[in-house]
PDB file of N, CA and C in Angstrom:
ATOM      1  N   MET A   1      -3.355  -2.045   9.554  1.00  0.00           N
ATOM      2  CA  MET A   1      -3.226  -2.362   8.820  1.00  0.00           C
ATOM      3  C   MET A   1      -3.583  -3.916   8.408  1.00  0.00           C
ATOM      4  N   PRO A   2      -4.278  -4.315   7.630  1.00  0.00           N
ATOM      5  CA  PRO A   2      -3.682  -6.646   7.675  1.00  0.00           C
ATOM      6  C   PRO A   2      -3.364  -6.359   6.800  1.00  0.00           C
ATOM      7  N   ASN A   3      -2.296  -6.849   6.802  1.00  0.00           N
ATOM      8  CA  ASN A   3      -0.483  -7.606   5.601  1.00  0.00           C
ATOM      9  C   ASN A   3      -1.176  -7.973   3.818  1.00  0.00           C
ATOM     10  N   PHE A   4      -1.908  -7.714   3.945  1.00  0.00           N
ATOM     11  CA  PHE A   4      -3.403  -7.997   2.639  1.00  0.00           C
ATOM     12  C   PHE A   4      -2.595  -7.553   1.574  1.00  0.00           C
ATOM     13  N   ALA A   5      -2.529  -8.077   0.607  1.00  0.00           N
ATOM     14  CA  ALA A   5      -2.401  -7.790  -0.840  1.00  0.00           C
ATOM     15  C   ALA A   5      -3.206  -6.365  -1.450  1.00  0.00           C
ATOM     16  N   ASN A   6      -1.924  -4.888  -1.269  1.00  0.00           N
ATOM     17  CA  ASN A   6      -2.929  -3.608  -1.631  1.00  0.00           C
ATOM     18  C   ASN A   6      -2.579  -3.408  -2.447  1.00  0.00           C
ATOM     19  N   PRO A   7      -2.700  -2.704  -3.977  1.00  0.00           N
ATOM     20  CA  PRO A   7      -1.812  -2.481  -5.017  1.00  0.00           C
ATOM     21  C   PRO A   7      -2.429  -1.050  -4.603  1.00  0.00           C
ATOM     22  N   PHE A   8      -3.035  -0.715  -4.005  1.00  0.00           N
ATOM     23  CA  PHE A   8      -3.972   0.550  -3.777  1.00  0.00           C
ATOM     24  C   PHE A   8      -3.262   1.251  -2.474  1.00  0.00           C
ATOM     25  N   GLN A   9      -2.467   0.473  -1.421  1.00  0.00           N
ATOM     26  CA  GLN A   9      -2.071   1.792  -0.308  1.00  0.00           C
ATOM     27  C   GLN A   9      -1.339   2.319  -1.037  1.00  0.00           C
ATOM     28  N   GLY A  10      -1.255   3.856  -0.352  1.00  0.00           N
ATOM     29  CA  GLY A  10      -0.819   5.198  -0.798  1.00  0.00           C
ATOM     30  C   GLY A  10      -1.685   5.810  -1.828  1.00  0.00           C
ATOM     31  N   ASN A  11      -0.684   6.401  -2.412  1.00  0.00           N
ATOM     32  CA  ASN A  11      -1.978   7.166  -3.564  1.00  0.00           C
ATOM     33  C   ASN A  11      -2.081   6.531  -4.037  1.00  0.00           C
ATOM     34  N   VAL A  12      -3.533   6.481  -4.945  1.00  0.00           N
ATOM     35  CA  VAL A  12      -3.536   6.183  -6.102  1.00  0.00           C
ATOM     36  C   VAL A  12      -3.665   6.241  -7.362  1.00  0.00           C
ATOM     37  N   PRO A  13      -2.850   5.514  -8.820  1.00  0.00           N
ATOM     38  CA  PRO A  13      -2.597   6.396  -9.594  1.00  0.00           C
ATOM     39  C   PRO A  13      -3.438   5.872 -11.192  1.00  0.00           C
ATOM     40  N   ARG A  14      -4.649   5.306 -10.765  1.00  0.00           N
ATOM     41  CA  ARG A  14      -5.515   6.098 -11.237  1.00  0.00           C
ATOM     42  C   ARG A  14      -6.613   5.437 -10.579  1.00  0.00           C
ATOM     43  N   ILE A  15      -7.925   5.376 -11.690  1.00  0.00           N
ATOM     44  CA  ILE A  15      -9.510   5.351 -10.607  1.00  0.00           C
ATOM     45  C   ILE A  15      -9.802   3.512 -10.860  1.00  0.00           C
ATOM     46  N   MET A  16     -10.262   3.530  -9.672  1.00  0.00           N
ATOM     47  CA  MET A  16     -10.522   1.686  -9.494  1.00  0.00           C
ATOM     48  C   MET A  16     -11.917   1.472 -10.338  1.00  0.00           C
ATOM     49  N   THR A  17     -11.742   0.207 -10.978  1.00  0.00           N
ATOM     50  CA  THR A  17     -12.800  -0.300 -11.123  1.00  0.00           C
ATOM     51  C   THR A  17     -13.948  -0.980 -10.022  1.00  0.00           C
ATOM     52  N   GLN A  18     -15.093  -0.569 -10.168  1.00  0.00           N
ATOM     53  CA  GLN A  18     -15.073  -1.361  -9.751  1.00  0.00           C
ATOM     54  C   GLN A  18     -15.958  -2.230  -8.722  1.00  0.00           C
ATOM     55  N   GLN A  19     -15.091  -3.360  -9.099  1.00  0.00           N
ATOM     56  CA  GLN A  19     -14.545  -4.286  -8.194  1.00  0.00           C
ATOM     57  C   GLN A  19     -12.858  -4.345  -7.471  1.00  0.00           C
ATOM     58  N   GLU A  20     -12.421  -3.173  -7.727  1.00  0.00           N
ATOM     59  CA  GLU A  20     -11.719  -2.711  -7.448  1.00  0.00           C
ATOM     60  C   GLU A  20     -11.745  -2.282  -5.332  1.00  0.00           C
ATOM     61  N   LEU A  21     -12.934  -0.949  -5.993  1.00  0.00           N
ATOM     62  CA  LEU A  21     -13.282  -0.389  -4.923  1.00  0.00           C
ATOM     63  C   LEU A  21     -14.411  -1.281  -4.174  1.00  0.00           C
ATOM     64  N   ILE A  22     -14.667  -2.446  -4.655  1.00  0.00           N
ATOM     65  CA  ILE A  22     -14.616  -2.972  -3.474  1.00  0.00           C
ATOM     66  C   ILE A  22     -14.166  -4.156  -2.198  1.00  0.00           C
ATOM     67  N   GLN A  23     -12.921  -4.539  -3.296  1.00  0.00           N
ATOM     68  CA  GLN A  23     -12.405  -5.255  -2.465  1.00  0.00           C
ATOM     69  C   GLN A  23     -11.190  -4.039  -1.606  1.00  0.00           C
ATOM     70  N   ALA A  24     -11.031  -3.268  -2.092  1.00  0.00           N
ATOM     71  CA  ALA A  24     -11.126  -1.953  -1.232  1.00  0.00           C
ATOM     72  C   ALA A  24     -11.653  -1.718  -0.254  1.00  0.00           C
ATOM     73  N   ILE A  25     -12.808  -1.734  -0.031  1.00  0.00           N
ATOM     74  CA  ILE A  25     -13.788  -1.177   0.854  1.00  0.00           C
ATOM     75  C   ILE A  25     -13.552  -2.399   1.809  1.00  0.00           C
ATOM     76  N   ARG A  26     -13.221  -3.744   1.002  1.00  0.00           N
ATOM     77  CA  ARG A  26     -13.605  -5.878   2.026  1.00  0.00           C
ATOM     78  C   ARG A  26     -12.418  -5.139   3.363  1.00  0.00           C
ATOM     79  N   LEU A  27     -11.148  -4.459   2.052  1.00  0.00           N
ATOM     80  CA  LEU A  27      -9.405  -4.388   3.380  1.00  0.00           C
ATOM     81  C   LEU A  27      -9.891  -3.033   3.910  1.00  0.00           C
ATOM     82  N   ASP A  28     -10.655  -2.368   3.857  1.00  0.00           N
ATOM     83  CA  ASP A  28     -10.766  -1.466   4.740  1.00  0.00           C
ATOM     84  C   ASP A  28     -11.506  -1.608   6.113  1.00  0.00           C
ATOM     85  N   ILE A  29     -11.563  -2.936   6.027  1.00  0.00           N
ATOM     86  CA  ILE A  29     -13.335  -3.161   6.989  1.00  0.00           C
ATOM     87  C   ILE A  29     -11.831  -4.292   8.020  1.00  0.00           C
ATOM     88  N   ALA A  30     -11.614  -5.236   6.929  1.00  0.00           N
ATOM     89  CA  ALA A  30     -10.782  -5.759   8.063  1.00  0.00           C
ATOM     90  C   ALA A  30     -10.212  -5.571   8.805  1.00  0.00           C
ATOM     91  N   GLY A  31      -9.015  -3.647   8.609  1.00  0.00           N
ATOM     92  CA  GLY A  31      -8.535  -2.623   9.131  1.00  0.00           C
ATOM     93  C   GLY A  31      -9.317  -2.075  10.176  1.00  0.00           C
ATOM     94  N   GLU A  32      -9.921  -1.831  10.277  1.00  0.00           N
ATOM     95  CA  GLU A  32     -10.949  -1.440  11.060  1.00  0.00           C
ATOM     96  C   GLU A  32     -11.241  -2.511  12.061  1.00  0.00           C
ATOM     97  N   LEU A  33     -11.507  -3.477  11.790  1.00  0.00           N
ATOM     98  CA  LEU A  33     -11.690  -4.642  12.744  1.00  0.00           C
ATOM     99  C   LEU A  33     -10.425  -5.329  12.841  1.00  0.00           C
ATOM    100  N   GLU A  34      -9.073  -4.314  12.811  1.00  0.00           N
ATOM    101  CA  GLU A  34      -7.888  -4.851  13.765  1.00  0.00           C
ATOM    102  C   GLU A  34      -7.604  -4.087  14.389  1.00  0.00           C
ATOM    103  N   ALA A  35      -7.979  -2.613  14.077  1.00  0.00           N
ATOM    104  CA  ALA A  35      -8.170  -1.704  15.118  1.00  0.00           C
ATOM    105  C   ALA A  35      -9.366  -1.767  16.358  1.00  0.00           C
ATOM    106  N   ILE A  36      -9.394  -2.118  16.012  1.00  0.00           N
ATOM    107  CA  ILE A  36     -10.853  -2.454  17.072  1.00  0.00           C
ATOM    108  C   ILE A  36      -9.833  -3.213  18.339  1.00  0.00           C
ATOM    109  N   PHE A  37      -9.560  -4.843  17.589  1.00  0.00           N
ATOM    110  CA  PHE A  37      -8.676  -5.375  18.502  1.00  0.00           C
ATOM    111  C   PHE A  37      -7.850  -5.223  19.210  1.00  0.00           C
ATOM    112  N   ILE A  38      -6.834  -4.336  18.702  1.00  0.00           N
ATOM    113  CA  ILE A  38      -5.769  -4.039  19.063  1.00  0.00           C
ATOM    114  C   ILE A  38      -5.821  -2.221  20.840  1.00  0.00           C
ATOM    115  N   TYR A  39      -7.328  -1.895  20.050  1.00  0.00           N
ATOM    116  CA  TYR A  39      -6.832  -0.807  20.767  1.00  0.00           C
ATOM    117  C   TYR A  39      -7.659  -1.463  21.985  1.00  0.00           C
ATOM    118  N   ASP A  40      -9.165  -2.546  21.834  1.00  0.00           N
ATOM    119  CA  ASP A  40      -9.981  -3.047  23.319  1.00  0.00           C
ATOM    120  C   ASP A  40      -8.538  -3.934  23.853  1.00  0.00           C
ATOM    121  N   ALA A  41      -7.996  -4.416  23.193  1.00  0.00           N
ATOM    122  CA  ALA A  41      -6.864  -4.434  24.141  1.00  0.00           C
ATOM    123  C   ALA A  41      -5.634  -4.429  25.047  1.00  0.00           C
ATOM    124  N   HIS A  42      -5.280  -3.388  24.522  1.00  0.00           N
ATOM    125  CA  HIS A  42      -4.030  -2.467  25.264  1.00  0.00           C
ATOM    126  C   HIS A  42      -5.654  -1.772  26.304  1.00  0.00           C
ATOM    127  N   SER A  43      -6.899  -1.528  26.309  1.00  0.00           N
ATOM    128  CA  SER A  43      -7.720  -0.572  27.507  1.00  0.00           C
ATOM    129  C   SER A  43      -7.175  -1.993  28.008  1.00  0.00           C
ATOM    130  N   GLN A  44      -7.606  -2.893  28.028  1.00  0.00           N
ATOM    131  CA  GLN A  44      -7.456  -4.239  28.933  1.00  0.00           C
ATOM    132  C   GLN A  44      -6.921  -4.614  29.577  1.00  0.00           C
ATOM    133  N   ALA A  45      -5.379  -4.013  29.267  1.00  0.00           N
ATOM    134  CA  ALA A  45      -4.071  -4.139  29.293  1.00  0.00           C
ATOM    135  C   ALA A  45      -3.476  -3.153  30.570  1.00  0.00           C
ATOM    136  N   THR A  46      -4.546  -2.434  30.490  1.00  0.00           N
ATOM    137  CA  THR A  46      -3.544  -1.424  31.501  1.00  0.00           C
ATOM    138  C   THR A  46      -5.040  -0.901  32.586  1.00  0.00           C
ATOM    139  N   ASP A  47      -4.027  -0.018  33.505  1.00  0.00           N
ATOM    140  CA  ASP A  47      -4.965  -0.006  34.704  1.00  0.00           C
ATOM    141  C   ASP A  47      -4.778   1.165  34.759  1.00  0.00           C
ATOM    142  N   ASN A  48      -3.966   2.502  34.212  1.00  0.00           N
ATOM    143  CA  ASN A  48      -4.525   4.244  34.056  1.00  0.00           C
ATOM    144  C   ASN A  48      -5.512   4.601  33.045  1.00  0.00           C
ATOM    145  N   GLU A  49      -6.250   4.945  33.720  1.00  0.00           N
ATOM    146  CA  GLU A  49      -8.202   5.431  34.264  1.00  0.00           C
ATOM    147  C   GLU A  49      -8.798   5.752  33.286  1.00  0.00           C
ATOM    148  N   LEU A  50      -7.333   7.350  32.930  1.00  0.00           N
ATOM    149  CA  LEU A  50      -7.584   7.818  30.881  1.00  0.00           C
ATOM    150  C   LEU A  50      -6.728   7.231  29.539  1.00  0.00           C
ATOM    151  N   ALA A  51      -5.700   6.656  30.190  1.00  0.00           N
ATOM    152  CA  ALA A  51      -5.583   6.339  28.429  1.00  0.00           C
ATOM    153  C   ALA A  51      -6.586   4.469  28.070  1.00  0.00           C
ATOM    154  N   LYS A  52      -7.167   4.000  29.419  1.00  0.00           N
ATOM    155  CA  LYS A  52      -8.543   2.697  28.978  1.00  0.00           C
ATOM    156  C   LYS A  52      -9.167   3.489  28.447  1.00  0.00           C
ATOM    157  N   LYS A  53     -10.311   4.922  29.438  1.00  0.00           N
ATOM    158  CA  LYS A  53     -10.733   5.775  29.046  1.00  0.00           C
ATOM    159  C   LYS A  53     -10.489   6.305  27.100  1.00  0.00           C
ATOM    160  N   VAL A  54      -9.791   6.543  27.080  1.00  0.00           N
ATOM    161  CA  VAL A  54      -9.665   6.877  25.796  1.00  0.00           C
ATOM    162  C   VAL A  54      -9.079   5.967  24.830  1.00  0.00           C
ATOM    163  N   LEU A  55      -8.788   4.771  25.043  1.00  0.00           N
ATOM    164  CA  LEU A  55      -8.009   3.189  24.489  1.00  0.00           C
ATOM    165  C   LEU A  55      -9.623   3.471  24.079  1.00  0.00           C
ATOM    166  N   GLU A  56     -10.582   3.517  25.154  1.00  0.00           N
ATOM    167  CA  GLU A  56     -12.038   2.153  24.820  1.00  0.00           C
ATOM    168  C   GLU A  56     -12.915   3.112  23.711  1.00  0.00           C
ATOM    169  N   GLU A  57     -12.933   5.043  23.607  1.00  0.00           N
ATOM    170  CA  GLU A  57     -13.787   6.204  22.605  1.00  0.00           C
ATOM    171  C   GLU A  57     -13.213   5.258  21.739  1.00  0.00           C
ATOM    172  N   ILE A  58     -11.812   5.238  21.212  1.00  0.00           N
ATOM    173  CA  ILE A  58     -11.507   5.293  20.208  1.00  0.00           C
ATOM    174  C   ILE A  58     -11.819   3.712  18.877  1.00  0.00           C
ATOM    175  N   ARG A  59     -11.809   3.209  20.690  1.00  0.00           N
ATOM    176  CA  ARG A  59     -12.553   2.049  19.074  1.00  0.00           C
ATOM    177  C   ARG A  59     -14.293   1.951  18.636  1.00  0.00           C
ATOM    178  N   ASP A  60     -14.449   2.510  20.183  1.00  0.00           N
ATOM    179  CA  ASP A  60     -15.905   2.373  19.278  1.00  0.00           C
ATOM    180  C   ASP A  60     -15.766   3.338  18.236  1.00  0.00           C
ATOM    181  N   GLU A  61     -15.166   4.864  18.301  1.00  0.00           N
ATOM    182  CA  GLU A  61     -15.488   4.887  17.287  1.00  0.00           C
ATOM    183  C   GLU A  61     -15.260   4.367  15.756  1.00  0.00           C
ATOM    184  N   GLU A  62     -14.315   2.745  16.104  1.00  0.00           N
ATOM    185  CA  GLU A  62     -13.517   2.300  14.492  1.00  0.00           C
ATOM    186  C   GLU A  62     -14.963   1.708  14.470  1.00  0.00           C
ATOM    187  N   LYS A  63     -15.777   0.640  15.644  1.00  0.00           N
ATOM    188  CA  LYS A  63     -17.183  -0.151  15.733  1.00  0.00           C
ATOM    189  C   LYS A  63     -17.735   1.062  14.352  1.00  0.00           C
ATOM    190  N   ALA A  64     -17.931   1.810  14.573  1.00  0.00           N
ATOM    191  CA  ALA A  64     -19.275   3.266  13.788  1.00  0.00           C
ATOM    192  C   ALA A  64     -18.230   3.320  12.760  1.00  0.00           C
ATOM    193  N   HIS A  65     -17.465   3.015  12.679  1.00  0.00           N
ATOM    194  CA  HIS A  65     -16.491   3.009  10.976  1.00  0.00           C
ATOM    195  C   HIS A  65     -16.283   1.747  10.494  1.00  0.00           C
ATOM    196  N   VAL A  66     -16.832   0.614  10.991  1.00  0.00           N
ATOM    197  CA  VAL A  66     -17.023  -0.871  10.772  1.00  0.00           C
ATOM    198  C   VAL A  66     -18.843  -0.718   9.552  1.00  0.00           C
ATOM    199  N   GLY A  67     -20.025  -0.306  10.874  1.00  0.00           N
ATOM    200  CA  GLY A  67     -20.876  -0.376  10.404  1.00  0.00           C
ATOM    201  C   GLY A  67     -20.389   0.776   9.376  1.00  0.00           C
ATOM    202  N   GLU A  68     -20.449   2.212   8.765  1.00  0.00           N
ATOM    203  CA  GLU A  68     -20.511   2.756   7.642  1.00  0.00           C
ATOM    204  C   GLU A  68     -19.804   1.498   6.396  1.00  0.00           C
ATOM    205  N   LEU A  69     -18.210   1.452   6.881  1.00  0.00           N
ATOM    206  CA  LEU A  69     -17.964   0.728   6.055  1.00  0.00           C
ATOM    207  C   LEU A  69     -18.889  -0.299   5.214  1.00  0.00           C
ATOM    208  N   MET A  70     -19.383  -1.052   6.034  1.00  0.00           N
ATOM    209  CA  MET A  70     -20.826  -2.015   5.606  1.00  0.00           C
ATOM    210  C   MET A  70     -21.645  -1.568   5.024  1.00  0.00           C
ATOM    211  N   THR A  71     -22.323  -0.869   5.447  1.00  0.00           N
ATOM    212  CA  THR A  71     -23.114   0.170   3.854  1.00  0.00           C
ATOM    213  C   THR A  71     -22.559   0.463   3.370  1.00  0.00           C
ATOM    214  N   LEU A  72     -22.174   0.535   2.870  1.00  0.00           N
ATOM    215  CA  LEU A  72     -21.199   1.621   1.615  1.00  0.00           C
ATOM    216  C   LEU A  72     -21.027   0.412   0.564  1.00  0.00           C
ATOM    217  N   LEU A  73     -20.290  -1.019   1.443  1.00  0.00           N
ATOM    218  CA  LEU A  73     -19.972  -2.307   0.806  1.00  0.00           C
ATOM    219  C   LEU A  73     -21.197  -2.307   0.506  1.00  0.00           C
ATOM    220  N   TRP A  74     -22.636  -3.087   0.755  1.00  0.00           N
ATOM    221  CA  TRP A  74     -24.350  -3.214   0.270  1.00  0.00           C
ATOM    222  C   TRP A  74     -23.717  -2.735  -0.645  1.00  0.00           C
ATOM    223  N   GLN A  75     -24.205  -1.198  -0.600  1.00  0.00           N
ATOM    224  CA  GLN A  75     -24.911  -0.564  -1.546  1.00  0.00           C
ATOM    225  C   GLN A  75     -24.137  -0.076  -3.199  1.00  0.00           C
ATOM    226  N   LEU A  76     -22.528  -1.246  -2.568  1.00  0.00           N
ATOM    227  CA  LEU A  76     -21.539  -1.456  -3.546  1.00  0.00           C
ATOM    228  C   LEU A  76     -21.842  -2.368  -4.619  1.00  0.00           C
ATOM    229  N   ASP A  77     -22.333  -3.594  -4.304  1.00  0.00           N
ATOM    230  CA  ASP A  77     -21.782  -5.030  -4.040  1.00  0.00           C
ATOM    231  C   ASP A  77     -23.500  -5.059  -3.835  1.00  0.00           C
ATOM    232  N   PRO A  78     -24.865  -5.317  -3.954  1.00  0.00           N
ATOM    233  CA  PRO A  78     -26.354  -5.588  -3.495  1.00  0.00           C
ATOM    234  C   PRO A  78     -26.225  -6.867  -3.406  1.00  0.00           C
ATOM    235  N   ALA A  79     -25.321  -7.983  -4.314  1.00  0.00           N
ATOM    236  CA  ALA A  79     -25.695  -9.201  -3.949  1.00  0.00           C
ATOM    237  C   ALA A  79     -25.071 -10.011  -2.551  1.00  0.00           C
ATOM    238  N   GLU A  80     -23.677  -9.418  -2.500  1.00  0.00           N
ATOM    239  CA  GLU A  80     -23.021  -9.571  -0.609  1.00  0.00           C
ATOM    240  C   GLU A  80     -23.654  -8.979   0.277  1.00  0.00           C
ATOM    241  N   ALA A  81     -25.169  -7.862  -0.175  1.00  0.00           N
ATOM    242  CA  ALA A  81     -25.642  -7.534   1.254  1.00  0.00           C
ATOM    243  C   ALA A  81     -26.532  -8.554   0.717  1.00  0.00           C
ATOM    244  N   THR A  82     -27.274  -9.409   0.208  1.00  0.00           N
ATOM    245  CA  THR A  82     -27.898 -10.589   0.466  1.00  0.00           C
ATOM    246  C   THR A  82     -27.445 -11.513   1.445  1.00  0.00           C
ATOM    247  N   LYS A  83     -26.216 -12.269   0.577  1.00  0.00           N
ATOM    248  CA  LYS A  83     -25.685 -12.948   1.091  1.00  0.00           C
ATOM    249  C   LYS A  83     -25.758 -12.631   3.542  1.00  0.00           C
ATOM    250  N   PHE A  84     -25.211 -10.830   3.478  1.00  0.00           N
ATOM    251  CA  PHE A  84     -25.250 -10.926   4.424  1.00  0.00           C
ATOM    252  C   PHE A  84     -26.547 -11.219   5.358  1.00  0.00           C
ATOM    253  N   SER A  85     -27.678 -10.814   4.262  1.00  0.00           N
ATOM    254  CA  SER A  85     -29.110 -11.321   5.021  1.00  0.00           C
ATOM    255  C   SER A  85     -29.305 -12.442   5.297  1.00  0.00           C
ATOM    256  N   SER A  86     -29.199 -13.125   4.474  1.00  0.00           N
ATOM    257  CA  SER A  86     -28.871 -13.872   4.476  1.00  0.00           C
ATOM    258  C   SER A  86     -28.809 -15.412   5.611  1.00  0.00           C
ATOM    259  N   GLY A  87     -27.263 -14.280   5.876  1.00  0.00           N
ATOM    260  CA  GLY A  87     -26.556 -15.057   7.336  1.00  0.00           C
ATOM    261  C   GLY A  87     -27.225 -14.724   8.451  1.00  0.00           C
ATOM    262  N   GLU A  88     -27.893 -12.978   8.141  1.00  0.00           N
ATOM    263  CA  GLU A  88     -28.895 -12.699   9.768  1.00  0.00           C
ATOM    264  C   GLU A  88     -29.590 -13.819   9.861  1.00  0.00           C
ATOM    265  N   GLY A  89     -31.176 -13.404   8.536  1.00  0.00           N
ATOM    266  CA  GLY A  89     -32.604 -14.413   9.178  1.00  0.00           C
ATOM    267  C   GLY A  89     -32.123 -16.162   9.110  1.00  0.00           C
ATOM    268  N   GLU A  90     -30.635 -17.188   8.876  1.00  0.00           N
ATOM    269  CA  GLU A  90     -30.021 -17.764   9.966  1.00  0.00           C
ATOM    270  C   GLU A  90     -30.139 -18.062  11.300  1.00  0.00           C
ATOM    271  N   VAL A  91     -28.949 -17.000  11.632  1.00  0.00           N
ATOM    272  CA  VAL A  91     -29.181 -16.794  12.946  1.00  0.00           C
ATOM    273  C   VAL A  91     -30.479 -16.297  13.461  1.00  0.00           C
ATOM    274  N   LYS A  92     -31.268 -15.427  13.182  1.00  0.00           N
ATOM    275  CA  LYS A  92     -32.894 -15.206  14.235  1.00  0.00           C
ATOM    276  C   LYS A  92     -33.191 -16.767  13.450  1.00  0.00           C
ATOM    277  N   GLU A  93     -33.257 -17.807  12.607  1.00  0.00           N
ATOM    278  CA  GLU A  93     -34.096 -18.989  12.917  1.00  0.00           C
ATOM    279  C   GLU A  93     -33.693 -19.608  13.860  1.00  0.00           C
ATOM    280  N   MET A  94     -32.365 -19.344  14.571  1.00  0.00           N
ATOM    281  CA  MET A  94     -32.005 -20.503  15.378  1.00  0.00           C
ATOM    282  C   MET A  94     -32.036 -20.017  17.037  1.00  0.00           C
ATOM    283  N   LEU A  95     -32.261 -18.193  16.473  1.00  0.00           N
ATOM    284  CA  LEU A  95     -32.266 -17.811  18.541  1.00  0.00           C
ATOM    285  C   LEU A  95     -33.791 -18.529  18.634  1.00  0.00           C
ATOM    286  N   GLU A  96     -34.721 -17.997  17.274  1.00  0.00           N
ATOM    287  CA  GLU A  96     -36.466 -18.877  17.964  1.00  0.00           C
ATOM    288  C   GLU A  96     -35.958 -19.847  18.227  1.00  0.00           C
ATOM    289  N   LYS A  97     -34.744 -21.367  17.536  1.00  0.00           N
ATOM    290  CA  LYS A  97     -35.147 -22.256  17.931  1.00  0.00           C
ATOM    291  C   LYS A  97     -35.101 -22.660  19.800  1.00  0.00           C
ATOM    292  N   LEU A  98     -33.878 -21.672  19.561  1.00  0.00           N
ATOM    293  CA  LEU A  98     -33.537 -21.457  20.594  1.00  0.00           C
ATOM    294  C   LEU A  98     -34.458 -20.918  22.282  1.00  0.00           C
ATOM    295  N   ASN A  99     -35.668 -20.933  22.027  1.00  0.00           N
ATOM    296  CA  ASN A  99     -36.385 -19.737  22.446  1.00  0.00           C
ATOM    297  C   ASN A  99     -35.755 -18.068  23.201  1.00  0.00           C
ATOM    298  N   ILE A 100     -34.536 -17.442  22.221  1.00  0.00           N
ATOM    299  CA  ILE A 100     -33.684 -16.417  23.324  1.00  0.00           C
ATOM    300  C   ILE A 100     -34.765 -15.983  22.062  1.00  0.00           C
ATOM    301  N   THR A 101     -34.566 -13.978  22.578  1.00  0.00           N
ATOM    302  CA  THR A 101     -35.055 -12.738  22.360  1.00  0.00           C
ATOM    303  C   THR A 101     -33.764 -12.420  22.166  1.00  0.00           C
ATOM    304  N   PRO A 102     -33.854 -10.961  20.830  1.00  0.00           N
ATOM    305  CA  PRO A 102     -32.231 -10.914  19.986  1.00  0.00           C
ATOM    306  C   PRO A 102     -32.183  -9.488  21.224  1.00  0.00           C
ATOM    307  N   THR A 103     -30.826  -9.979  21.387  1.00  0.00           N
ATOM    308  CA  THR A 103     -30.862  -8.377  22.630  1.00  0.00           C
ATOM    309  C   THR A 103     -30.356  -7.167  21.667  1.00  0.00           C
ATOM    310  N   VAL A 104     -30.053  -7.501  20.302  1.00  0.00           N
ATOM    311  CA  VAL A 104     -29.919  -6.035  19.331  1.00  0.00           C
ATOM    312  C   VAL A 104     -30.212  -6.211  17.672  1.00  0.00           C
ATOM    313  N   LYS A 105     -30.776  -5.159  17.353  1.00  0.00           N
ATOM    314  CA  LYS A 105     -31.124  -5.166  15.856  1.00  0.00           C
ATOM    315  C   LYS A 105     -29.983  -5.037  14.479  1.00  0.00           C
ATOM    316  N   PRO A 106     -29.540  -5.490  14.014  1.00  0.00           N
ATOM    317  CA  PRO A 106     -28.198  -5.596  13.591  1.00  0.00           C
ATOM    318  C   PRO A 106     -28.972  -3.882  12.159  1.00  0.00           C
TER     319      PRO A 106
END
């Protein structure tokens, strides 16, 4: 997990406020992204096929976790969801200008 200041590591001594929960979810997302990077690096650094397969499967599970957490974050903070959508729109405009067909729909 990233080494950010996190007052909610371990047992949470009280119920978090909405803002604290949003911050905690962002930290969770950062942790999942870090895990993806680490599992992928370990997979690339071995020629052991079993280890490679297991590490890649775990990496892909972490990617699903990012999607779950992002969806939760957007529900908890609709204003943030709007910002993400705005960024998505900007990239779509760039793709159109460059006459590139999008390969995936987020």
